[in-house]
Each structure stands twice: as structure tokens, then as C-alpha cells.
């Protein structure tokens, strides 16, 4: 049982990191009047914390799914 949960968490965590690196924005672009744009970049620690937050959340969701699949498989046997 622990193996199912651990594998689910690790796979979810790794997939979460890759998706977070793609979809978590690291900069904010503000369009102002006169065609001027202002670009603000997040600081690296703030960006890393956001990426880890998303990946940890996906790891927890994947471990819950792994637990549900394990229980379903155990009741089926």
C-alpha cells in the first residue's frame, strides 16, 4: 500500500514540476497608455516557492488517486 502511495506522490510531484515550470508565470507585463509596457520579473525564491507549491499539490492529488486505485484493486480481488 505504501508503495502505491509513494509512487503516486513521486510521479505526481515530477509531473507537477514540469507543468509548473511551463505554466507558472515568472514575469508580469503591464500595458500602459502611449504604447509603453512595463515588465516586472518575480524574484527567484518567490518563483521557486510557487513552482514547489504547485508540484507538491499535484503530488498530494496523485497520492490520493493512487490510494483510491489501490483500495479499488484490493476490493476487486
Protein backbone atom coordinates (compact mmCIF):
# COMPACT_ATOMS: atom_id res chain seq x y z
CA UNK A 1 0.00 0.00 0.00
CA UNK A 2 2.75 2.43 0.90
CA UNK A 3 4.46 1.67 -2.39
CA UNK A 4 1.35 2.72 -4.33
CA UNK A 5 1.06 5.98 -2.39
CA UNK A 6 4.77 6.78 -2.62
CA UNK A 7 4.92 6.10 -6.35
CA UNK A 8 1.79 8.16 -6.91
CA UNK A 9 3.26 11.07 -4.97
CA UNK A 10 6.60 10.94 -6.77
CA UNK A 11 5.08 10.70 -10.24
CA UNK A 12 2.63 13.50 -9.42
CA UNK A 13 5.43 15.63 -7.99
CA UNK A 14 7.64 15.22 -11.06
CA UNK A 15 4.76 15.86 -13.46
CA UNK A 16 3.74 18.84 -11.33
CA UNK A 17 7.22 20.35 -11.51
CA UNK A 18 7.31 20.06 -15.29
CA UNK A 19 3.84 21.56 -15.68
CA UNK A 20 4.60 24.32 -13.16
CA UNK A 21 7.78 25.28 -14.98
CA UNK A 22 5.73 25.64 -18.15
CA UNK A 23 2.64 27.39 -16.80
CA UNK A 24 3.65 29.40 -13.69
CA UNK A 25 4.40 32.93 -14.91
CA UNK A 26 7.76 34.39 -13.97
CA UNK A 27 7.01 37.90 -15.23
CA UNK A 28 4.13 40.33 -15.34
CA UNK A 29 3.68 42.59 -18.36
CA UNK A 30 1.61 45.75 -17.88
CA UNK A 31 0.49 47.69 -20.94
CA UNK A 32 0.23 51.43 -20.32
CA UNK A 33 -1.04 54.32 -22.38
CA UNK A 34 1.05 55.54 -25.26
CA UNK A 35 2.25 52.07 -26.22
CA UNK A 36 4.55 51.77 -23.21
CA UNK A 37 4.93 48.41 -21.50
CA UNK A 38 6.30 47.69 -18.04
CA UNK A 39 7.72 44.24 -17.33
CA UNK A 40 8.20 43.06 -13.75
CA UNK A 41 10.06 39.83 -13.06
CA UNK A 42 9.44 37.75 -9.95
CA UNK A 43 12.36 37.15 -7.66
CA UNK A 44 13.87 33.69 -7.95
CA UNK A 45 12.91 32.49 -4.42
CA UNK A 46 9.31 33.60 -4.97
CA UNK A 47 9.17 31.78 -8.31
CA UNK A 48 10.69 28.61 -6.83
CA UNK A 49 8.17 28.64 -3.97
CA UNK A 50 5.29 28.95 -6.45
CA UNK A 51 6.64 26.07 -8.54
CA UNK A 52 7.11 23.86 -5.47
CA UNK A 53 3.63 24.72 -4.21
CA UNK A 54 2.05 23.59 -7.48
CA UNK A 55 4.18 20.44 -7.71
CA UNK A 56 3.52 19.46 -4.08
CA UNK A 57 -0.22 19.91 -4.61
CA UNK A 58 -0.15 17.69 -7.69
CA UNK A 59 1.85 15.11 -5.73
CA UNK A 60 -0.78 15.01 -3.00
CA UNK A 61 -3.57 14.65 -5.56
CA UNK A 62 -1.68 11.84 -7.30
CA UNK A 63 -1.11 10.02 -4.00
CA UNK A 64 -4.84 10.25 -3.22
CA UNK A 65 -5.59 8.82 -6.66
CA UNK A 66 -3.04 6.05 -6.03
CA UNK A 67 -4.69 5.23 -2.71
CA UNK A 68 -8.13 5.09 -4.33
CA UNK A 69 -6.83 2.81 -7.09
CA UNK A 70 -5.18 0.57 -4.50
CA UNK A 71 -8.40 0.26 -2.49
CA UNK A 72 -10.39 -0.43 -5.66
CA UNK A 73 -7.92 -3.13 -6.69
CA UNK A 74 -7.96 -4.72 -3.23
CA UNK A 75 -11.77 -4.91 -3.12
CA UNK A 76 -11.85 -6.38 -6.63
CA UNK A 77 -9.66 -9.38 -5.68
